[in-house]
Amino acid sequence: MSVSKLDKTAMAKKMHTSRASLHRLLDEEDTRLTLTTLVSAAAFGKNVKIELESV
């Protein structure tokens, strides 16, 4: 966001999502993040990598 000089409202609009969804994406402790939001973020030059590990 800082490189593109966008605030949260403008970034959310570009991602076709709500400001609340963007806030969840940026909050490391928020567990309500959806795959749809991650895919929207990937459209801005980021890759989404999901791994499942046995515990």
PDB file of N, CA and C in Angstrom:
ATOM      1  N   MET A   1       0.813  -1.181   0.000  1.00  0.00           N
ATOM      2  CA  MET A   1       0.000   0.000   0.000  1.00  0.00           C
ATOM      3  C   MET A   1       0.861   1.251   0.000  1.00  0.00           C
ATOM      4  N   SER A   2       1.958   1.216   0.758  1.00  0.00           N
ATOM      5  CA  SER A   2       2.804   2.409   0.818  1.00  0.00           C
ATOM      6  C   SER A   2       3.504   2.671  -0.507  1.00  0.00           C
ATOM      7  N   VAL A   3       3.894   1.612  -1.215  1.00  0.00           N
ATOM      8  CA  VAL A   3       4.538   1.792  -2.520  1.00  0.00           C
ATOM      9  C   VAL A   3       3.560   2.402  -3.517  1.00  0.00           C
ATOM     10  N   SER A   4       2.318   1.926  -3.474  1.00  0.00           N
ATOM     11  CA  SER A   4       1.294   2.437  -4.381  1.00  0.00           C
ATOM     12  C   SER A   4       0.654   3.728  -3.885  1.00  0.00           C
ATOM     13  N   LYS A   5       1.021   4.123  -2.667  1.00  0.00           N
ATOM     14  CA  LYS A   5       0.471   5.324  -2.035  1.00  0.00           C
ATOM     15  C   LYS A   5      -1.059   5.274  -1.965  1.00  0.00           C
ATOM     16  N   LEU A   6      -1.568   4.123  -1.495  1.00  0.00           N
ATOM     17  CA  LEU A   6      -3.001   3.935  -1.351  1.00  0.00           C
ATOM     18  C   LEU A   6      -3.358   3.818   0.128  1.00  0.00           C
ATOM     19  N   ASP A   7      -4.492   4.392   0.495  1.00  0.00           N
ATOM     20  CA  ASP A   7      -4.983   4.165   1.849  1.00  0.00           C
ATOM     21  C   ASP A   7      -5.830   2.884   1.839  1.00  0.00           C
ATOM     22  N   LYS A   8      -6.322   2.488   3.013  1.00  0.00           N
ATOM     23  CA  LYS A   8      -7.073   1.231   3.114  1.00  0.00           C
ATOM     24  C   LYS A   8      -8.338   1.242   2.258  1.00  0.00           C
ATOM     25  N   THR A   9      -9.004   2.358   2.203  1.00  0.00           N
ATOM     26  CA  THR A   9     -10.241   2.441   1.429  1.00  0.00           C
ATOM     27  C   THR A   9      -9.970   2.253  -0.062  1.00  0.00           C
ATOM     28  N   ALA A  10      -8.946   2.919  -0.580  1.00  0.00           N
ATOM     29  CA  ALA A  10      -8.603   2.807  -1.999  1.00  0.00           C
ATOM     30  C   ALA A  10      -8.094   1.406  -2.338  1.00  0.00           C
ATOM     31  N   MET A  11      -7.294   0.829  -1.446  1.00  0.00           N
ATOM     32  CA  MET A  11      -6.775  -0.524  -1.675  1.00  0.00           C
ATOM     33  C   MET A  11      -7.917  -1.532  -1.689  1.00  0.00           C
ATOM     34  N   ALA A  12      -8.841  -1.420  -0.765  1.00  0.00           N
ATOM     35  CA  ALA A  12      -9.984  -2.329  -0.719  1.00  0.00           C
ATOM     36  C   ALA A  12     -10.811  -2.221  -2.001  1.00  0.00           C
ATOM     37  N   LYS A  13     -10.969  -1.003  -2.482  1.00  0.00           N
ATOM     38  CA  LYS A  13     -11.723  -0.801  -3.717  1.00  0.00           C
ATOM     39  C   LYS A  13     -11.026  -1.480  -4.895  1.00  0.00           C
ATOM     40  N   LYS A  14      -9.697  -1.361  -4.972  1.00  0.00           N
ATOM     41  CA  LYS A  14      -8.938  -2.007  -6.052  1.00  0.00           C
ATOM     42  C   LYS A  14      -9.023  -3.526  -5.969  1.00  0.00           C
ATOM     43  N   MET A  15      -9.133  -4.054  -4.730  1.00  0.00           N
ATOM     44  CA  MET A  15      -9.222  -5.502  -4.526  1.00  0.00           C
ATOM     45  C   MET A  15     -10.652  -6.015  -4.670  1.00  0.00           C
ATOM     46  N   HIS A  16     -11.606  -5.103  -4.896  1.00  0.00           N
ATOM     47  CA  HIS A  16     -13.023  -5.470  -4.988  1.00  0.00           C
ATOM     48  C   HIS A  16     -13.477  -6.179  -3.718  1.00  0.00           C
ATOM     49  N   THR A  17     -13.094  -5.612  -2.589  1.00  0.00           N
ATOM     50  CA  THR A  17     -13.478  -6.161  -1.295  1.00  0.00           C
ATOM     51  C   THR A  17     -13.797  -5.010  -0.351  1.00  0.00           C
ATOM     52  N   SER A  18     -14.208  -5.353   0.840  1.00  0.00           N
ATOM     53  CA  SER A  18     -14.540  -4.312   1.815  1.00  0.00           C
ATOM     54  C   SER A  18     -13.295  -3.881   2.584  1.00  0.00           C
ATOM     55  N   ARG A  19     -13.400  -2.719   3.188  1.00  0.00           N
ATOM     56  CA  ARG A  19     -12.301  -2.218   4.024  1.00  0.00           C
ATOM     57  C   ARG A  19     -12.077  -3.165   5.206  1.00  0.00           C
ATOM     58  N   ALA A  20     -13.162  -3.750   5.725  1.00  0.00           N
ATOM     59  CA  ALA A  20     -13.054  -4.702   6.842  1.00  0.00           C
ATOM     60  C   ALA A  20     -12.280  -5.949   6.420  1.00  0.00           C
ATOM     61  N   SER A  21     -12.509  -6.434   5.219  1.00  0.00           N
ATOM     62  CA  SER A  21     -11.773  -7.599   4.722  1.00  0.00           C
ATOM     63  C   SER A  21     -10.293  -7.285   4.578  1.00  0.00           C
ATOM     64  N   LEU A  22      -9.996  -6.096   4.089  1.00  0.00           N
ATOM     65  CA  LEU A  22      -8.601  -5.684   3.962  1.00  0.00           C
ATOM     66  C   LEU A  22      -7.950  -5.584   5.341  1.00  0.00           C
ATOM     67  N   HIS A  23      -8.690  -5.057   6.304  1.00  0.00           N
ATOM     68  CA  HIS A  23      -8.171  -4.953   7.661  1.00  0.00           C
ATOM     69  C   HIS A  23      -7.833  -6.344   8.210  1.00  0.00           C
ATOM     70  N   ARG A  24      -8.693  -7.331   7.954  1.00  0.00           N
ATOM     71  CA  ARG A  24      -8.419  -8.706   8.392  1.00  0.00           C
ATOM     72  C   ARG A  24      -7.167  -9.250   7.718  1.00  0.00           C
ATOM     73  N   LEU A  25      -6.986  -8.930   6.448  1.00  0.00           N
ATOM     74  CA  LEU A  25      -5.811  -9.385   5.713  1.00  0.00           C
ATOM     75  C   LEU A  25      -4.528  -8.829   6.323  1.00  0.00           C
ATOM     76  N   LEU A  26      -4.567  -7.595   6.754  1.00  0.00           N
ATOM     77  CA  LEU A  26      -3.380  -6.937   7.292  1.00  0.00           C
ATOM     78  C   LEU A  26      -3.124  -7.268   8.763  1.00  0.00           C
ATOM     79  N   ASP A  27      -4.112  -7.815   9.448  1.00  0.00           N
ATOM     80  CA  ASP A  27      -3.989  -8.134  10.866  1.00  0.00           C
ATOM     81  C   ASP A  27      -3.464  -9.560  11.030  1.00  0.00           C
ATOM     82  N   GLU A  28      -2.235  -9.697  11.519  1.00  0.00           N
ATOM     83  CA  GLU A  28      -1.605 -11.003  11.660  1.00  0.00           C
ATOM     84  C   GLU A  28      -2.323 -11.915  12.653  1.00  0.00           C
ATOM     85  N   GLU A  29      -3.051 -11.341  13.591  1.00  0.00           N
ATOM     86  CA  GLU A  29      -3.704 -12.149  14.619  1.00  0.00           C
ATOM     87  C   GLU A  29      -5.163 -12.464  14.303  1.00  0.00           C
ATOM     88  N   ASP A  30      -5.705 -11.902  13.254  1.00  0.00           N
ATOM     89  CA  ASP A  30      -7.097 -12.137  12.889  1.00  0.00           C
ATOM     90  C   ASP A  30      -7.200 -13.440  12.102  1.00  0.00           C
ATOM     91  N   THR A  31      -7.998 -14.367  12.584  1.00  0.00           N
ATOM     92  CA  THR A  31      -8.117 -15.681  11.947  1.00  0.00           C
ATOM     93  C   THR A  31      -9.333 -15.777  11.016  1.00  0.00           C
ATOM     94  N   ARG A  32     -10.036 -14.673  10.781  1.00  0.00           N
ATOM     95  CA  ARG A  32     -11.231 -14.700   9.932  1.00  0.00           C
ATOM     96  C   ARG A  32     -10.926 -14.454   8.455  1.00  0.00           C
ATOM     97  N   LEU A  33      -9.687 -14.529   8.081  1.00  0.00           N
ATOM     98  CA  LEU A  33      -9.266 -14.293   6.705  1.00  0.00           C
ATOM     99  C   LEU A  33      -9.807 -15.389   5.789  1.00  0.00           C
ATOM    100  N   THR A  34     -10.291 -15.009   4.613  1.00  0.00           N
ATOM    101  CA  THR A  34     -10.820 -15.992   3.667  1.00  0.00           C
ATOM    102  C   THR A  34      -9.859 -16.193   2.502  1.00  0.00           C
ATOM    103  N   LEU A  35      -9.998 -17.304   1.825  1.00  0.00           N
ATOM    104  CA  LEU A  35      -9.176 -17.560   0.643  1.00  0.00           C
ATOM    105  C   LEU A  35      -9.475 -16.554  -0.461  1.00  0.00           C
ATOM    106  N   THR A  36     -10.700 -16.108  -0.542  1.00  0.00           N
ATOM    107  CA  THR A  36     -11.078 -15.106  -1.542  1.00  0.00           C
ATOM    108  C   THR A  36     -10.289 -13.822  -1.350  1.00  0.00           C
ATOM    109  N   THR A  37     -10.134 -13.398  -0.090  1.00  0.00           N
ATOM    110  CA  THR A  37      -9.362 -12.195   0.193  1.00  0.00           C
ATOM    111  C   THR A  37      -7.898 -12.400  -0.163  1.00  0.00           C
ATOM    112  N   LEU A  38      -7.363 -13.575   0.121  1.00  0.00           N
ATOM    113  CA  LEU A  38      -5.975 -13.865  -0.240  1.00  0.00           C
ATOM    114  C   LEU A  38      -5.766 -13.824  -1.747  1.00  0.00           C
ATOM    115  N   VAL A  39      -6.702 -14.363  -2.484  1.00  0.00           N
ATOM    116  CA  VAL A  39      -6.603 -14.350  -3.945  1.00  0.00           C
ATOM    117  C   VAL A  39      -6.664 -12.919  -4.463  1.00  0.00           C
ATOM    118  N   SER A  40      -7.488 -12.090  -3.863  1.00  0.00           N
ATOM    119  CA  SER A  40      -7.547 -10.679  -4.251  1.00  0.00           C
ATOM    120  C   SER A  40      -6.215  -9.992  -4.009  1.00  0.00           C
ATOM    121  N   ALA A  41      -5.571 -10.318  -2.889  1.00  0.00           N
ATOM    122  CA  ALA A  41      -4.266  -9.739  -2.580  1.00  0.00           C
ATOM    123  C   ALA A  41      -3.216 -10.223  -3.573  1.00  0.00           C
ATOM    124  N   ALA A  42      -3.343 -11.450  -4.028  1.00  0.00           N
ATOM    125  CA  ALA A  42      -2.376 -12.010  -4.979  1.00  0.00           C
ATOM    126  C   ALA A  42      -2.396 -11.252  -6.302  1.00  0.00           C
ATOM    127  N   ALA A  43      -3.486 -10.607  -6.601  1.00  0.00           N
ATOM    128  CA  ALA A  43      -3.582  -9.837  -7.837  1.00  0.00           C
ATOM    129  C   ALA A  43      -2.644  -8.634  -7.829  1.00  0.00           C
ATOM    130  N   PHE A  44      -2.078  -8.306  -6.676  1.00  0.00           N
ATOM    131  CA  PHE A  44      -1.168  -7.168  -6.553  1.00  0.00           C
ATOM    132  C   PHE A  44       0.282  -7.627  -6.464  1.00  0.00           C
ATOM    133  N   GLY A  45       0.624  -8.668  -7.218  1.00  0.00           N
ATOM    134  CA  GLY A  45       2.004  -9.106  -7.296  1.00  0.00           C
ATOM    135  C   GLY A  45       2.452 -10.004  -6.169  1.00  0.00           C
ATOM    136  N   LYS A  46       1.515 -10.584  -5.441  1.00  0.00           N
ATOM    137  CA  LYS A  46       1.859 -11.499  -4.363  1.00  0.00           C
ATOM    138  C   LYS A  46       1.418 -12.899  -4.735  1.00  0.00           C
ATOM    139  N   ASN A  47       2.136 -13.880  -4.255  1.00  0.00           N
ATOM    140  CA  ASN A  47       1.766 -15.282  -4.459  1.00  0.00           C
ATOM    141  C   ASN A  47       1.118 -15.815  -3.202  1.00  0.00           C
ATOM    142  N   VAL A  48       0.170 -16.699  -3.380  1.00  0.00           N
ATOM    143  CA  VAL A  48      -0.486 -17.364  -2.256  1.00  0.00           C
ATOM    144  C   VAL A  48       0.013 -18.792  -2.236  1.00  0.00           C
ATOM    145  N   LYS A  49       0.574 -19.183  -1.102  1.00  0.00           N
ATOM    146  CA  LYS A  49       1.075 -20.532  -0.935  1.00  0.00           C
ATOM    147  C   LYS A  49       0.428 -21.119   0.315  1.00  0.00           C
ATOM    148  N   ILE A  50      -0.269 -22.230   0.143  1.00  0.00           N
ATOM    149  CA  ILE A  50      -0.941 -22.874   1.250  1.00  0.00           C
ATOM    150  C   ILE A  50      -0.316 -24.254   1.434  1.00  0.00           C
ATOM    151  N   GLU A  51       0.127 -24.524   2.639  1.00  0.00           N
ATOM    152  CA  GLU A  51       0.730 -25.817   2.944  1.00  0.00           C
ATOM    153  C   GLU A  51       0.002 -26.465   4.104  1.00  0.00           C
ATOM    154  N   LEU A  52      -0.171 -27.755   4.012  1.00  0.00           N
ATOM    155  CA  LEU A  52      -0.723 -28.523   5.109  1.00  0.00           C
ATOM    156  C   LEU A  52       0.387 -29.414   5.661  1.00  0.00           C
ATOM    157  N   GLU A  53       0.580 -29.352   6.959  1.00  0.00           N
ATOM    158  CA  GLU A  53       1.612 -30.158   7.589  1.00  0.00           C
ATOM    159  C   GLU A  53       0.966 -31.053   8.631  1.00  0.00           C
ATOM    160  N   SER A  54       1.465 -32.241   8.742  1.00  0.00           N
ATOM    161  CA  SER A  54       0.961 -33.115   9.796  1.00  0.00           C
ATOM    162  C   SER A  54       1.548 -32.670  11.123  1.00  0.00           C
ATOM    163  N   VAL A  55       0.774 -32.820  12.169  1.00  0.00           N
ATOM    164  CA  VAL A  55       1.234 -32.403  13.500  1.00  0.00           C
ATOM    165  C   VAL A  55       1.519 -33.578  14.390  1.00  0.00           C
TER     166      VAL A  55
END
